[in-house]
């Protein structure tokens, strides 16, 4: 019986990982489709969206979902900025720019944004996508690994939003996208730390939406 349970658990874990990957791929199309059609879905927008002038900032753009989003926006001739600690795995198109940034450091983010503003302009769309995973059970996770995951997967969202919101307020124009996960709602074995950070992102995004509406009256800075 223990062997059978172990095998079943392993099968469930593998199936979950497969589903997460599949959902992630489909999510890319859904996310970009929603962003590209936001003007239609939100008729209250004061300023129309001119995609020749928009600038999309994507964190974690050197691999996985982030890389796919960078490529898809680039193919639509939209200016893209990518922040990542690792360089891109392939050559970026002319309208995409990579900056090496430690998203866990507010100072690193601010320095990079100074360059972005001078060289390209203020991003009008922020896609907080950077994330890491360990896949270890709780006793196998070292304290510094857990801390790093929280910093990358959750706290970085705070630092990026705090850096970019002022310019969005000034333009009365912007969109913040938070990449969460099915792990926000379902926690499997050896995934506690990751699920905790993703559940935190749901709370972060919901709270940001409420702040924009009720504290800043920034109805044209969207989160959906």
N, C-alpha and C. Protein backbone atom coordinates (compact mmCIF):
# COMPACT_ATOMS: atom_id res chain seq x y z
N UNK A 1 0.82 -1.22 0.00
CA UNK A 1 0.00 0.00 0.00
C UNK A 1 0.85 1.27 0.00
N UNK A 2 1.91 1.39 0.87
CA UNK A 2 2.74 2.59 0.84
C UNK A 2 3.36 2.83 -0.52
N UNK A 3 3.81 1.73 -1.19
CA UNK A 3 4.42 1.89 -2.51
C UNK A 3 3.42 2.43 -3.51
N UNK A 4 2.20 1.88 -3.45
CA UNK A 4 1.16 2.34 -4.36
C UNK A 4 0.83 3.80 -4.11
N UNK A 5 0.75 4.18 -2.85
CA UNK A 5 0.45 5.58 -2.53
C UNK A 5 1.56 6.49 -3.03
N UNK A 6 2.80 6.01 -2.87
CA UNK A 6 3.94 6.81 -3.33
C UNK A 6 3.89 7.02 -4.83
N UNK A 7 3.58 5.93 -5.55
CA UNK A 7 3.49 6.03 -7.00
C UNK A 7 2.36 6.95 -7.42
N UNK A 8 1.23 6.84 -6.74
CA UNK A 8 0.09 7.69 -7.06
C UNK A 8 0.42 9.15 -6.82
N UNK A 9 1.13 9.41 -5.71
CA UNK A 9 1.52 10.79 -5.40
C UNK A 9 2.45 11.34 -6.48
N UNK A 10 3.40 10.50 -6.90
CA UNK A 10 4.33 10.93 -7.95
C UNK A 10 3.59 11.21 -9.25
N UNK A 11 2.61 10.36 -9.58
CA UNK A 11 1.83 10.55 -10.80
C UNK A 11 1.04 11.85 -10.73
N UNK A 12 0.44 12.10 -9.57
CA UNK A 12 -0.34 13.32 -9.40
C UNK A 12 0.56 14.55 -9.53
N UNK A 13 1.74 14.46 -8.91
CA UNK A 13 2.68 15.58 -8.98
C UNK A 13 3.11 15.86 -10.42
N UNK A 14 3.43 14.80 -11.16
CA UNK A 14 3.83 14.97 -12.57
C UNK A 14 2.69 15.52 -13.41
N UNK A 15 1.48 15.03 -13.15
CA UNK A 15 0.32 15.53 -13.88
C UNK A 15 0.10 17.00 -13.59
N UNK A 16 0.26 17.37 -12.32
CA UNK A 16 0.09 18.77 -11.92
C UNK A 16 1.10 19.66 -12.65
N UNK A 17 2.36 19.19 -12.69
CA UNK A 17 3.39 19.99 -13.38
C UNK A 17 3.08 20.13 -14.86
N UNK A 18 2.57 19.05 -15.47
CA UNK A 18 2.21 19.11 -16.89
C UNK A 18 1.08 20.11 -17.11
N UNK A 19 0.08 20.07 -16.22
CA UNK A 19 -1.05 20.98 -16.36
C UNK A 19 -0.62 22.42 -16.17
N UNK A 20 0.27 22.64 -15.19
CA UNK A 20 0.78 24.00 -14.97
C UNK A 20 1.47 24.52 -16.22
N UNK A 21 2.29 23.67 -16.85
CA UNK A 21 2.98 24.08 -18.07
C UNK A 21 2.02 24.37 -19.20
N UNK A 22 1.01 23.52 -19.34
CA UNK A 22 0.01 23.71 -20.40
C UNK A 22 -0.79 24.97 -20.16
N UNK A 23 -1.23 25.14 -18.92
CA UNK A 23 -2.00 26.34 -18.58
C UNK A 23 -1.17 27.58 -18.79
N UNK A 24 0.14 27.49 -18.45
CA UNK A 24 1.02 28.64 -18.63
C UNK A 24 1.12 29.04 -20.09
N UNK A 25 1.24 28.07 -20.98
CA UNK A 25 1.34 28.36 -22.41
C UNK A 25 0.06 29.01 -22.92
N UNK A 26 -1.07 28.46 -22.53
CA UNK A 26 -2.35 29.03 -22.95
C UNK A 26 -2.52 30.43 -22.37
N UNK A 27 -2.02 30.61 -21.12
CA UNK A 27 -2.17 31.90 -20.46
C UNK A 27 -1.48 33.02 -21.21
N UNK A 28 -0.36 32.71 -21.87
CA UNK A 28 0.34 33.74 -22.64
C UNK A 28 -0.59 34.38 -23.65
N UNK A 29 -1.29 33.54 -24.39
CA UNK A 29 -2.22 34.05 -25.41
C UNK A 29 -3.35 34.83 -24.77
N UNK A 30 -3.86 34.32 -23.66
CA UNK A 30 -4.98 34.99 -22.98
C UNK A 30 -4.54 36.35 -22.47
N UNK A 31 -3.37 36.40 -21.81
CA UNK A 31 -2.86 37.65 -21.25
C UNK A 31 -2.68 38.70 -22.33
N UNK A 32 -1.98 38.33 -23.39
CA UNK A 32 -1.70 39.30 -24.45
C UNK A 32 -2.98 39.72 -25.15
N UNK A 33 -3.89 38.79 -25.36
CA UNK A 33 -5.16 39.13 -25.99
C UNK A 33 -5.93 40.14 -25.15
N UNK A 34 -5.93 39.95 -23.83
CA UNK A 34 -6.64 40.88 -22.95
C UNK A 34 -6.01 42.26 -22.99
N UNK A 35 -4.68 42.30 -22.95
CA UNK A 35 -4.00 43.59 -22.97
C UNK A 35 -4.26 44.32 -24.28
N UNK A 36 -4.14 43.61 -25.39
CA UNK A 36 -4.30 44.23 -26.70
C UNK A 36 -5.73 44.70 -26.95
N UNK A 37 -6.68 44.12 -26.22
CA UNK A 37 -8.08 44.49 -26.43
C UNK A 37 -8.67 45.29 -25.26
N UNK A 38 -7.81 45.77 -24.37
CA UNK A 38 -8.32 46.43 -23.16
C UNK A 38 -9.13 47.69 -23.48
N UNK A 39 -8.77 48.39 -24.55
CA UNK A 39 -9.50 49.60 -24.89
C UNK A 39 -10.95 49.28 -25.24
N UNK A 40 -11.18 48.12 -25.83
CA UNK A 40 -12.54 47.71 -26.17
C UNK A 40 -13.29 47.27 -24.93
N UNK A 41 -12.58 46.59 -24.04
CA UNK A 41 -13.22 46.05 -22.84
C UNK A 41 -13.45 47.11 -21.78
N UNK A 42 -12.75 48.24 -21.87
CA UNK A 42 -12.89 49.27 -20.85
C UNK A 42 -13.12 50.61 -21.53
N UNK A 43 -14.37 50.94 -21.74
CA UNK A 43 -14.72 52.15 -22.48
C UNK A 43 -14.50 53.42 -21.67
N UNK A 44 -14.15 53.30 -20.35
CA UNK A 44 -13.95 54.49 -19.54
C UNK A 44 -12.56 55.09 -19.72
N UNK A 45 -11.69 54.41 -20.45
CA UNK A 45 -10.32 54.89 -20.63
C UNK A 45 -10.31 56.28 -21.27
N UNK A 46 -9.65 57.22 -20.57
CA UNK A 46 -9.63 58.61 -21.04
C UNK A 46 -8.76 58.77 -22.28
N UNK A 47 -7.63 58.07 -22.30
CA UNK A 47 -6.72 58.19 -23.42
C UNK A 47 -6.69 56.87 -24.20
N UNK A 48 -6.90 56.93 -25.50
CA UNK A 48 -6.88 55.71 -26.30
C UNK A 48 -5.47 55.11 -26.33
N UNK A 49 -5.41 53.83 -26.60
CA UNK A 49 -4.13 53.14 -26.65
C UNK A 49 -3.59 53.11 -28.07
N UNK A 50 -2.42 53.72 -28.23
CA UNK A 50 -1.73 53.73 -29.51
C UNK A 50 -0.54 52.79 -29.36
N UNK A 51 -0.63 51.59 -29.95
CA UNK A 51 0.39 50.57 -29.72
C UNK A 51 1.75 50.94 -30.29
N UNK A 52 1.80 51.94 -31.14
CA UNK A 52 3.09 52.38 -31.64
C UNK A 52 3.83 53.22 -30.59
N UNK A 53 3.09 53.64 -29.56
CA UNK A 53 3.68 54.48 -28.51
C UNK A 53 3.78 53.77 -27.16
N UNK A 54 3.10 52.64 -27.02
CA UNK A 54 3.13 51.93 -25.74
C UNK A 54 4.48 51.25 -25.52
N UNK A 55 4.86 51.12 -24.26
CA UNK A 55 6.10 50.43 -23.88
C UNK A 55 5.74 49.38 -22.83
N UNK A 56 6.06 48.14 -23.13
CA UNK A 56 5.74 47.03 -22.23
C UNK A 56 7.00 46.59 -21.49
N UNK A 57 6.93 46.59 -20.17
CA UNK A 57 8.04 46.09 -19.35
C UNK A 57 7.67 44.72 -18.79
N UNK A 58 8.49 43.73 -19.09
CA UNK A 58 8.25 42.36 -18.64
C UNK A 58 9.41 41.91 -17.78
N UNK A 59 9.14 41.49 -16.55
CA UNK A 59 10.20 40.94 -15.71
C UNK A 59 10.31 39.44 -15.96
N UNK A 60 11.52 38.92 -15.80
CA UNK A 60 11.72 37.50 -16.07
C UNK A 60 11.51 37.17 -17.53
N UNK A 61 11.97 38.07 -18.40
CA UNK A 61 11.71 37.92 -19.82
C UNK A 61 12.72 37.07 -20.59
N UNK A 62 13.67 36.47 -19.89
CA UNK A 62 14.70 35.71 -20.60
C UNK A 62 14.40 34.23 -20.75
N UNK A 63 13.30 33.78 -20.18
CA UNK A 63 12.97 32.36 -20.30
C UNK A 63 11.51 32.09 -20.01
N UNK A 64 11.05 30.90 -20.39
CA UNK A 64 9.70 30.47 -20.08
C UNK A 64 8.62 31.37 -20.65
N UNK A 65 7.59 31.60 -19.84
CA UNK A 65 6.46 32.44 -20.26
C UNK A 65 6.93 33.84 -20.61
N UNK A 66 7.87 34.38 -19.82
CA UNK A 66 8.36 35.73 -20.07
C UNK A 66 8.95 35.88 -21.45
N UNK A 67 9.77 34.93 -21.85
CA UNK A 67 10.40 34.97 -23.17
C UNK A 67 9.36 34.90 -24.28
N UNK A 68 8.35 34.06 -24.09
CA UNK A 68 7.29 33.94 -25.08
C UNK A 68 6.53 35.25 -25.23
N UNK A 69 6.26 35.92 -24.11
CA UNK A 69 5.55 37.20 -24.17
C UNK A 69 6.39 38.26 -24.87
N UNK A 70 7.68 38.30 -24.56
CA UNK A 70 8.57 39.24 -25.23
C UNK A 70 8.51 39.04 -26.74
N UNK A 71 8.58 37.81 -27.17
CA UNK A 71 8.55 37.51 -28.61
C UNK A 71 7.22 37.88 -29.25
N UNK A 72 6.13 37.59 -28.56
CA UNK A 72 4.81 37.87 -29.13
C UNK A 72 4.56 39.36 -29.25
N UNK A 73 4.94 40.14 -28.23
CA UNK A 73 4.79 41.59 -28.33
C UNK A 73 5.70 42.14 -29.41
N UNK A 74 6.92 41.63 -29.48
CA UNK A 74 7.88 42.11 -30.48
C UNK A 74 7.36 41.88 -31.89
N UNK A 75 6.76 40.73 -32.11
CA UNK A 75 6.24 40.42 -33.45
C UNK A 75 5.10 41.35 -33.85
N UNK A 76 4.50 41.99 -32.87
CA UNK A 76 3.44 42.97 -33.16
C UNK A 76 4.00 44.39 -33.24
N UNK A 77 5.33 44.49 -33.27
CA UNK A 77 6.01 45.79 -33.38
C UNK A 77 5.73 46.70 -32.20
N UNK A 78 5.55 46.12 -31.03
CA UNK A 78 5.36 46.88 -29.80
C UNK A 78 6.69 46.95 -29.07
N UNK A 79 7.04 48.13 -28.55
CA UNK A 79 8.29 48.27 -27.81
C UNK A 79 8.24 47.44 -26.53
N UNK A 80 9.30 46.67 -26.30
CA UNK A 80 9.35 45.79 -25.14
C UNK A 80 10.67 45.98 -24.39
N UNK A 81 10.55 46.08 -23.07
CA UNK A 81 11.71 46.12 -22.19
C UNK A 81 11.64 44.89 -21.30
N UNK A 82 12.75 44.18 -21.17
CA UNK A 82 12.76 43.01 -20.32
C UNK A 82 13.82 43.14 -19.22
N UNK A 83 13.39 42.90 -17.98
CA UNK A 83 14.29 42.88 -16.83
C UNK A 83 14.52 41.43 -16.42
N UNK A 84 15.78 41.04 -16.31
CA UNK A 84 16.09 39.68 -15.87
C UNK A 84 17.52 39.65 -15.36
N UNK A 85 17.80 38.74 -14.45
CA UNK A 85 19.16 38.58 -13.95
C UNK A 85 20.00 37.80 -14.95
N UNK A 86 19.32 37.06 -15.83
CA UNK A 86 20.00 36.26 -16.85
C UNK A 86 19.77 36.87 -18.23
N UNK A 87 20.74 36.79 -19.12
CA UNK A 87 20.57 37.34 -20.48
C UNK A 87 19.61 36.48 -21.29
N UNK A 88 19.03 37.03 -22.35
CA UNK A 88 18.13 36.26 -23.21
C UNK A 88 18.87 35.08 -23.85
N UNK A 89 18.13 34.02 -24.11
CA UNK A 89 18.74 32.83 -24.71
C UNK A 89 18.88 32.96 -26.22
N UNK A 90 18.18 33.93 -26.79
CA UNK A 90 18.27 34.17 -28.23
C UNK A 90 18.31 35.67 -28.49
N UNK A 91 18.69 36.04 -29.69
CA UNK A 91 18.79 37.45 -30.05
C UNK A 91 17.41 38.10 -30.07
N UNK A 92 17.30 39.26 -29.43
CA UNK A 92 16.02 39.97 -29.39
C UNK A 92 15.84 40.78 -30.66
N UNK A 93 14.59 41.06 -30.98
CA UNK A 93 14.28 41.89 -32.14
C UNK A 93 14.67 43.34 -31.86
N UNK A 94 14.65 44.16 -32.89
CA UNK A 94 15.10 45.54 -32.76
C UNK A 94 14.26 46.36 -31.79
N UNK A 95 12.99 45.98 -31.61
CA UNK A 95 12.11 46.77 -30.74
C UNK A 95 12.05 46.22 -29.32
N UNK A 96 12.95 45.29 -28.97
CA UNK A 96 13.01 44.75 -27.60
C UNK A 96 14.39 45.04 -27.01
N UNK A 97 14.40 45.40 -25.74
CA UNK A 97 15.66 45.74 -25.08
C UNK A 97 15.78 45.00 -23.75
N UNK A 98 16.94 44.38 -23.52
CA UNK A 98 17.20 43.65 -22.29
C UNK A 98 18.04 44.49 -21.34
N UNK A 99 17.66 44.47 -20.05
CA UNK A 99 18.44 45.10 -18.99
C UNK A 99 18.68 44.06 -17.90
N UNK A 100 19.92 43.91 -17.52
CA UNK A 100 20.23 42.99 -16.42
C UNK A 100 19.86 43.65 -15.11
N UNK A 101 18.87 43.09 -14.43
CA UNK A 101 18.33 43.70 -13.22
C UNK A 101 18.07 42.63 -12.17
N UNK A 102 18.45 42.93 -10.94
CA UNK A 102 18.08 42.09 -9.81
C UNK A 102 16.76 42.62 -9.27
N UNK A 103 15.67 41.95 -9.58
CA UNK A 103 14.35 42.46 -9.22
C UNK A 103 14.08 42.39 -7.72
N UNK A 104 14.97 41.76 -6.97
CA UNK A 104 14.80 41.74 -5.51
C UNK A 104 15.37 43.00 -4.88
N UNK A 105 16.05 43.82 -5.68
CA UNK A 105 16.70 45.03 -5.17
C UNK A 105 16.01 46.29 -5.69
N UNK A 106 15.35 47.06 -4.82
CA UNK A 106 14.75 48.32 -5.26
C UNK A 106 15.77 49.25 -5.91
N UNK A 107 17.01 49.23 -5.39
CA UNK A 107 18.06 50.08 -5.96
C UNK A 107 18.39 49.67 -7.39
N UNK A 108 18.53 48.37 -7.62
CA UNK A 108 18.82 47.86 -8.97
C UNK A 108 17.69 48.21 -9.94
N UNK A 109 16.46 48.09 -9.47
CA UNK A 109 15.30 48.42 -10.30
C UNK A 109 15.31 49.90 -10.65
N UNK A 110 15.57 50.74 -9.65
CA UNK A 110 15.55 52.19 -9.88
C UNK A 110 16.65 52.60 -10.86
N UNK A 111 17.84 52.03 -10.70
CA UNK A 111 18.94 52.36 -11.61
C UNK A 111 18.60 51.96 -13.05
N UNK A 112 18.04 50.78 -13.20
CA UNK A 112 17.67 50.31 -14.55
C UNK A 112 16.60 51.20 -15.15
N UNK A 113 15.63 51.60 -14.32
CA UNK A 113 14.55 52.44 -14.82
C UNK A 113 15.04 53.82 -15.25
N UNK A 114 16.09 54.31 -14.61
CA UNK A 114 16.68 55.58 -15.04
C UNK A 114 17.19 55.45 -16.48
N UNK A 115 17.81 54.33 -16.79
CA UNK A 115 18.29 54.09 -18.15
C UNK A 115 17.12 53.93 -19.12
N UNK A 116 16.10 53.18 -18.70
CA UNK A 116 14.94 52.95 -19.57
C UNK A 116 14.27 54.27 -19.92
N UNK A 117 14.09 55.13 -18.93
CA UNK A 117 13.41 56.41 -19.17
C UNK A 117 14.20 57.29 -20.13
N UNK A 118 15.52 57.28 -19.99
CA UNK A 118 16.36 58.09 -20.89
C UNK A 118 16.41 57.51 -22.30
N UNK A 119 16.50 56.20 -22.40
CA UNK A 119 16.75 55.56 -23.69
C UNK A 119 15.48 55.19 -24.46
N UNK A 120 14.39 54.93 -23.73
CA UNK A 120 13.17 54.47 -24.39
C UNK A 120 11.94 55.29 -23.99
N UNK A 121 11.77 55.50 -22.69
CA UNK A 121 10.60 56.22 -22.19
C UNK A 121 10.01 55.50 -20.99
N UNK A 122 8.91 56.03 -20.49
CA UNK A 122 8.23 55.42 -19.35
C UNK A 122 7.36 54.26 -19.80
N UNK A 123 7.56 53.07 -19.24
CA UNK A 123 6.69 51.94 -19.59
C UNK A 123 5.24 52.24 -19.22
N UNK A 124 4.34 51.88 -20.10
CA UNK A 124 2.91 52.08 -19.84
C UNK A 124 2.23 50.78 -19.41
N UNK A 125 2.92 49.66 -19.63
CA UNK A 125 2.39 48.36 -19.22
C UNK A 125 3.48 47.62 -18.45
N UNK A 126 3.14 47.16 -17.26
CA UNK A 126 4.06 46.38 -16.45
C UNK A 126 3.51 44.96 -16.31
N UNK A 127 4.28 43.99 -16.74
CA UNK A 127 3.91 42.59 -16.56
C UNK A 127 4.89 41.97 -15.58
N UNK A 128 4.45 41.83 -14.34
CA UNK A 128 5.28 41.23 -13.29
C UNK A 128 5.25 39.72 -13.44
N UNK A 129 6.29 39.19 -14.04
CA UNK A 129 6.29 37.77 -14.40
C UNK A 129 7.42 36.97 -13.74
N UNK A 130 8.49 37.63 -13.31
CA UNK A 130 9.66 36.92 -12.78
C UNK A 130 9.28 35.99 -11.63
N UNK A 131 9.83 34.79 -11.67
CA UNK A 131 9.53 33.84 -10.60
C UNK A 131 10.50 32.67 -10.63
N UNK A 132 10.69 32.06 -9.47
CA UNK A 132 11.53 30.87 -9.36
C UNK A 132 10.79 29.80 -8.58
N UNK A 133 11.23 28.56 -8.73
CA UNK A 133 10.63 27.44 -8.00
C UNK A 133 11.73 26.47 -7.59
N UNK A 134 11.51 25.78 -6.47
CA UNK A 134 12.50 24.84 -5.97
C UNK A 134 12.05 23.39 -6.10
N UNK A 135 10.79 23.13 -5.79
CA UNK A 135 10.28 21.77 -5.84
C UNK A 135 10.85 20.89 -4.75
N UNK A 136 11.06 21.46 -3.56
CA UNK A 136 11.61 20.71 -2.43
C UNK A 136 10.60 20.67 -1.28
N UNK A 137 10.67 19.60 -0.49
CA UNK A 137 9.81 19.55 0.69
C UNK A 137 10.34 20.53 1.73
N UNK A 138 9.53 20.83 2.72
CA UNK A 138 9.82 21.94 3.63
C UNK A 138 11.13 21.78 4.39
N UNK A 139 11.48 20.56 4.78
CA UNK A 139 12.73 20.36 5.52
C UNK A 139 13.96 20.44 4.62
N UNK A 140 13.76 20.27 3.34
CA UNK A 140 14.88 20.32 2.39
C UNK A 140 15.19 21.73 1.93
N UNK A 141 14.29 22.66 2.19
CA UNK A 141 14.48 24.05 1.76
C UNK A 141 15.32 24.80 2.78
N UNK A 142 16.44 25.34 2.35
CA UNK A 142 17.26 26.16 3.23
C UNK A 142 16.60 27.52 3.43
N UNK A 143 16.92 28.15 4.55
CA UNK A 143 16.31 29.44 4.87
C UNK A 143 16.57 30.48 3.79
N UNK A 144 17.80 30.50 3.27
CA UNK A 144 18.12 31.50 2.24
C UNK A 144 17.38 31.23 0.93
N UNK A 145 17.08 29.95 0.66
CA UNK A 145 16.32 29.61 -0.55
C UNK A 145 14.87 30.09 -0.43
N UNK A 146 14.29 29.89 0.73
CA UNK A 146 12.91 30.34 0.96
C UNK A 146 12.84 31.86 0.89
N UNK A 147 13.80 32.51 1.52
CA UNK A 147 13.83 33.98 1.51
C UNK A 147 13.97 34.51 0.08
N UNK A 148 14.84 33.87 -0.70
CA UNK A 148 15.05 34.30 -2.09
C UNK A 148 13.77 34.16 -2.90
N UNK A 149 13.05 33.06 -2.68
CA UNK A 149 11.82 32.84 -3.44
C UNK A 149 10.78 33.91 -3.11
N UNK A 150 10.66 34.24 -1.84
CA UNK A 150 9.71 35.28 -1.45
C UNK A 150 10.11 36.62 -2.06
N UNK A 151 11.40 36.90 -2.09
CA UNK A 151 11.87 38.17 -2.65
C UNK A 151 11.61 38.26 -4.15
N UNK A 152 11.87 37.18 -4.87
CA UNK A 152 11.68 37.18 -6.33
C UNK A 152 10.21 37.10 -6.71
N UNK A 153 9.51 36.15 -6.11
CA UNK A 153 8.13 35.86 -6.53
C UNK A 153 7.10 36.84 -6.00
N UNK A 154 7.38 37.46 -4.87
CA UNK A 154 6.37 38.32 -4.25
C UNK A 154 6.84 39.76 -4.05
N UNK A 155 7.92 39.95 -3.30
CA UNK A 155 8.34 41.31 -2.96
C UNK A 155 8.73 42.14 -4.18
N UNK A 156 9.27 41.49 -5.21
CA UNK A 156 9.66 42.22 -6.42
C UNK A 156 8.47 42.96 -7.03
N UNK A 157 7.28 42.40 -6.89
CA UNK A 157 6.08 43.05 -7.42
C UNK A 157 5.86 44.40 -6.75
N UNK A 158 6.09 44.45 -5.45
CA UNK A 158 5.96 45.72 -4.73
C UNK A 158 6.95 46.74 -5.27
N UNK A 159 8.20 46.34 -5.43
CA UNK A 159 9.24 47.29 -5.85
C UNK A 159 8.98 47.81 -7.27
N UNK A 160 8.56 46.93 -8.17
CA UNK A 160 8.29 47.37 -9.55
C UNK A 160 7.10 48.31 -9.61
N UNK A 161 6.03 47.96 -8.90
CA UNK A 161 4.83 48.80 -8.92
C UNK A 161 5.13 50.17 -8.32
N UNK A 162 5.86 50.19 -7.20
CA UNK A 162 6.19 51.47 -6.57
C UNK A 162 7.04 52.34 -7.49
N UNK A 163 7.87 51.71 -8.31
CA UNK A 163 8.73 52.45 -9.23
C UNK A 163 7.97 53.00 -10.43
N UNK A 164 6.98 52.25 -10.92
CA UNK A 164 6.31 52.61 -12.17
C UNK A 164 4.98 53.36 -12.00
N UNK A 165 4.31 53.17 -10.88
CA UNK A 165 3.00 53.80 -10.73
C UNK A 165 3.02 55.32 -10.87
N UNK A 166 3.99 56.03 -10.28
CA UNK A 166 3.97 57.50 -10.41
C UNK A 166 3.89 57.99 -11.85
N UNK A 167 4.63 57.37 -12.76
CA UNK A 167 4.58 57.82 -14.16
C UNK A 167 3.24 57.46 -14.80
N UNK A 168 2.65 56.34 -14.39
CA UNK A 168 1.33 55.97 -14.90
C UNK A 168 0.28 56.96 -14.40
N UNK A 169 0.41 57.38 -13.15
CA UNK A 169 -0.51 58.38 -12.61
C UNK A 169 -0.37 59.69 -13.38
N UNK A 170 0.86 60.07 -13.64
CA UNK A 170 1.12 61.33 -14.35
C UNK A 170 0.51 61.33 -15.74
N UNK A 171 0.58 60.18 -16.41
CA UNK A 171 0.01 60.06 -17.76
C UNK A 171 -1.47 59.72 -17.74
N UNK A 172 -1.97 59.35 -16.54
CA UNK A 172 -3.34 58.85 -16.42
C UNK A 172 -3.56 57.71 -17.42
N UNK A 173 -2.61 56.78 -17.40
CA UNK A 173 -2.57 55.77 -18.46
C UNK A 173 -1.63 54.65 -18.03
N UNK A 174 -2.12 53.43 -17.96
CA UNK A 174 -1.24 52.33 -17.60
C UNK A 174 -1.99 51.03 -17.35
N UNK A 175 -1.25 49.97 -17.25
CA UNK A 175 -1.83 48.65 -17.00
C UNK A 175 -0.80 47.81 -16.26
N UNK A 176 -1.19 47.25 -15.11
CA UNK A 176 -0.33 46.38 -14.32
C UNK A 176 -0.88 44.96 -14.40
N UNK A 177 -0.04 44.03 -14.84
CA UNK A 177 -0.43 42.63 -14.96
C UNK A 177 0.39 41.80 -13.97
N UNK A 178 -0.28 40.98 -13.20
CA UNK A 178 0.38 40.11 -12.22
C UNK A 178 0.26 38.66 -12.67
N UNK A 179 1.39 38.00 -12.86
CA UNK A 179 1.37 36.59 -13.25
C UNK A 179 1.37 35.73 -11.98
N UNK A 180 0.23 35.13 -11.69
CA UNK A 180 0.12 34.24 -10.53
C UNK A 180 0.25 32.80 -11.03
N UNK A 181 -0.58 31.90 -10.52
CA UNK A 181 -0.46 30.50 -10.91
C UNK A 181 -1.63 29.72 -10.35
N UNK A 182 -1.89 28.55 -10.93
CA UNK A 182 -2.87 27.64 -10.34
C UNK A 182 -2.40 27.24 -8.95
N UNK A 183 -1.08 27.35 -8.70
CA UNK A 183 -0.53 27.05 -7.38
C UNK A 183 -0.96 28.07 -6.33
N UNK A 184 -1.57 29.17 -6.77
CA UNK A 184 -2.14 30.13 -5.82
C UNK A 184 -3.29 29.50 -5.05
N UNK A 185 -3.92 28.51 -5.65
CA UNK A 185 -5.14 27.92 -5.09
C UNK A 185 -4.99 26.44 -4.73
N UNK A 186 -3.98 25.78 -5.30
CA UNK A 186 -3.76 24.36 -5.02
C UNK A 186 -2.30 24.16 -4.63
N UNK A 187 -2.08 23.61 -3.46
CA UNK A 187 -0.72 23.37 -2.99
C UNK A 187 -0.44 21.87 -2.94
N UNK A 188 0.55 21.43 -3.69
CA UNK A 188 0.93 20.02 -3.69
C UNK A 188 2.18 19.83 -2.84
N UNK A 189 2.54 18.59 -2.60
CA UNK A 189 3.75 18.29 -1.83
C UNK A 189 4.98 18.88 -2.51
N UNK A 190 5.93 19.28 -1.71
CA UNK A 190 7.20 19.84 -2.20
C UNK A 190 7.00 21.13 -2.99
N UNK A 191 5.96 21.87 -2.63
CA UNK A 191 5.68 23.11 -3.35
C UNK A 191 5.12 24.19 -2.43
N UNK A 192 5.34 24.02 -1.12
CA UNK A 192 4.74 24.92 -0.14
C UNK A 192 5.20 26.35 -0.34
N UNK A 193 6.52 26.55 -0.45
CA UNK A 193 7.06 27.90 -0.56
C UNK A 193 6.55 28.61 -1.82
N UNK A 194 6.55 27.90 -2.92
CA UNK A 194 6.08 28.48 -4.19
C UNK A 194 4.61 28.86 -4.11
N UNK A 195 3.79 27.97 -3.59
CA UNK A 195 2.36 28.24 -3.50
C UNK A 195 2.08 29.42 -2.58
N UNK A 196 2.85 29.53 -1.50
CA UNK A 196 2.66 30.66 -0.58
C UNK A 196 2.91 31.99 -1.29
N UNK A 197 3.97 32.04 -2.11
CA UNK A 197 4.25 33.29 -2.82
C UNK A 197 3.17 33.60 -3.86
N UNK A 198 2.67 32.57 -4.53
CA UNK A 198 1.67 32.79 -5.57
C UNK A 198 0.32 33.16 -4.96
N UNK A 199 0.00 32.58 -3.80
CA UNK A 199 -1.22 32.98 -3.10
C UNK A 199 -1.11 34.44 -2.66
N UNK A 200 0.10 34.83 -2.25
CA UNK A 200 0.33 36.22 -1.87
C UNK A 200 0.13 37.17 -3.03
N UNK A 201 0.45 36.73 -4.24
CA UNK A 201 0.26 37.58 -5.42
C UNK A 201 -1.20 37.86 -5.70
N UNK A 202 -2.06 36.90 -5.42
CA UNK A 202 -3.50 37.12 -5.61
C UNK A 202 -3.96 38.24 -4.67
N UNK A 203 -3.52 38.17 -3.41
CA UNK A 203 -3.87 39.22 -2.45
C UNK A 203 -3.26 40.56 -2.87
N UNK A 204 -2.02 40.52 -3.33
CA UNK A 204 -1.35 41.74 -3.79
C UNK A 204 -2.14 42.40 -4.92
N UNK A 205 -2.51 41.62 -5.90
CA UNK A 205 -3.20 42.17 -7.07
C UNK A 205 -4.58 42.71 -6.72
N UNK A 206 -5.30 41.98 -5.88
CA UNK A 206 -6.62 42.45 -5.46
C UNK A 206 -6.49 43.74 -4.65
N UNK A 207 -5.49 43.80 -3.77
CA UNK A 207 -5.27 45.00 -2.98
C UNK A 207 -4.86 46.19 -3.84
N UNK A 208 -4.00 45.94 -4.83
CA UNK A 208 -3.58 47.00 -5.74
C UNK A 208 -4.77 47.56 -6.50
N UNK A 209 -5.63 46.69 -6.94
CA UNK A 209 -6.84 47.12 -7.66
C UNK A 209 -7.68 48.05 -6.79
N UNK A 210 -7.82 47.70 -5.52
CA UNK A 210 -8.61 48.52 -4.60
C UNK A 210 -7.93 49.85 -4.30
N UNK A 211 -6.61 49.83 -4.13
CA UNK A 211 -5.88 51.08 -3.89
C UNK A 211 -6.03 52.04 -5.08
N UNK A 212 -5.87 51.51 -6.28
CA UNK A 212 -5.99 52.36 -7.47
C UNK A 212 -7.36 52.99 -7.58
N UNK A 213 -8.37 52.25 -7.19
CA UNK A 213 -9.74 52.74 -7.31
C UNK A 213 -10.13 53.67 -6.17
N UNK A 214 -9.82 53.27 -4.93
CA UNK A 214 -10.36 53.98 -3.77
C UNK A 214 -9.37 54.93 -3.11
N UNK A 215 -8.08 54.79 -3.35
CA UNK A 215 -7.11 55.68 -2.72
C UNK A 215 -6.50 56.67 -3.71
N UNK A 216 -6.33 56.25 -4.95
CA UNK A 216 -5.67 57.12 -5.94
C UNK A 216 -6.62 57.61 -7.03
N UNK A 217 -7.82 57.06 -7.05
CA UNK A 217 -8.80 57.43 -8.08
C UNK A 217 -8.18 57.33 -9.48
N UNK A 218 -7.36 56.31 -9.65
CA UNK A 218 -6.65 56.12 -10.93
C UNK A 218 -7.38 55.07 -11.75
N UNK A 219 -8.53 55.42 -12.22
CA UNK A 219 -9.38 54.45 -12.92
C UNK A 219 -8.85 54.09 -14.31
N UNK A 220 -7.91 54.87 -14.81
CA UNK A 220 -7.35 54.55 -16.12
C UNK A 220 -5.99 53.87 -16.02
N UNK A 221 -5.62 53.50 -14.80
CA UNK A 221 -4.48 52.60 -14.60
C UNK A 221 -5.10 51.26 -14.23
N UNK A 222 -5.08 50.36 -15.16
CA UNK A 222 -5.84 49.12 -15.02
C UNK A 222 -5.03 47.97 -14.43
N UNK A 223 -5.74 47.01 -13.87
CA UNK A 223 -5.11 45.80 -13.35
C UNK A 223 -5.81 44.57 -13.91
N UNK A 224 -6.70 44.74 -14.89
CA UNK A 224 -7.44 43.60 -15.43
C UNK A 224 -7.43 43.65 -16.96
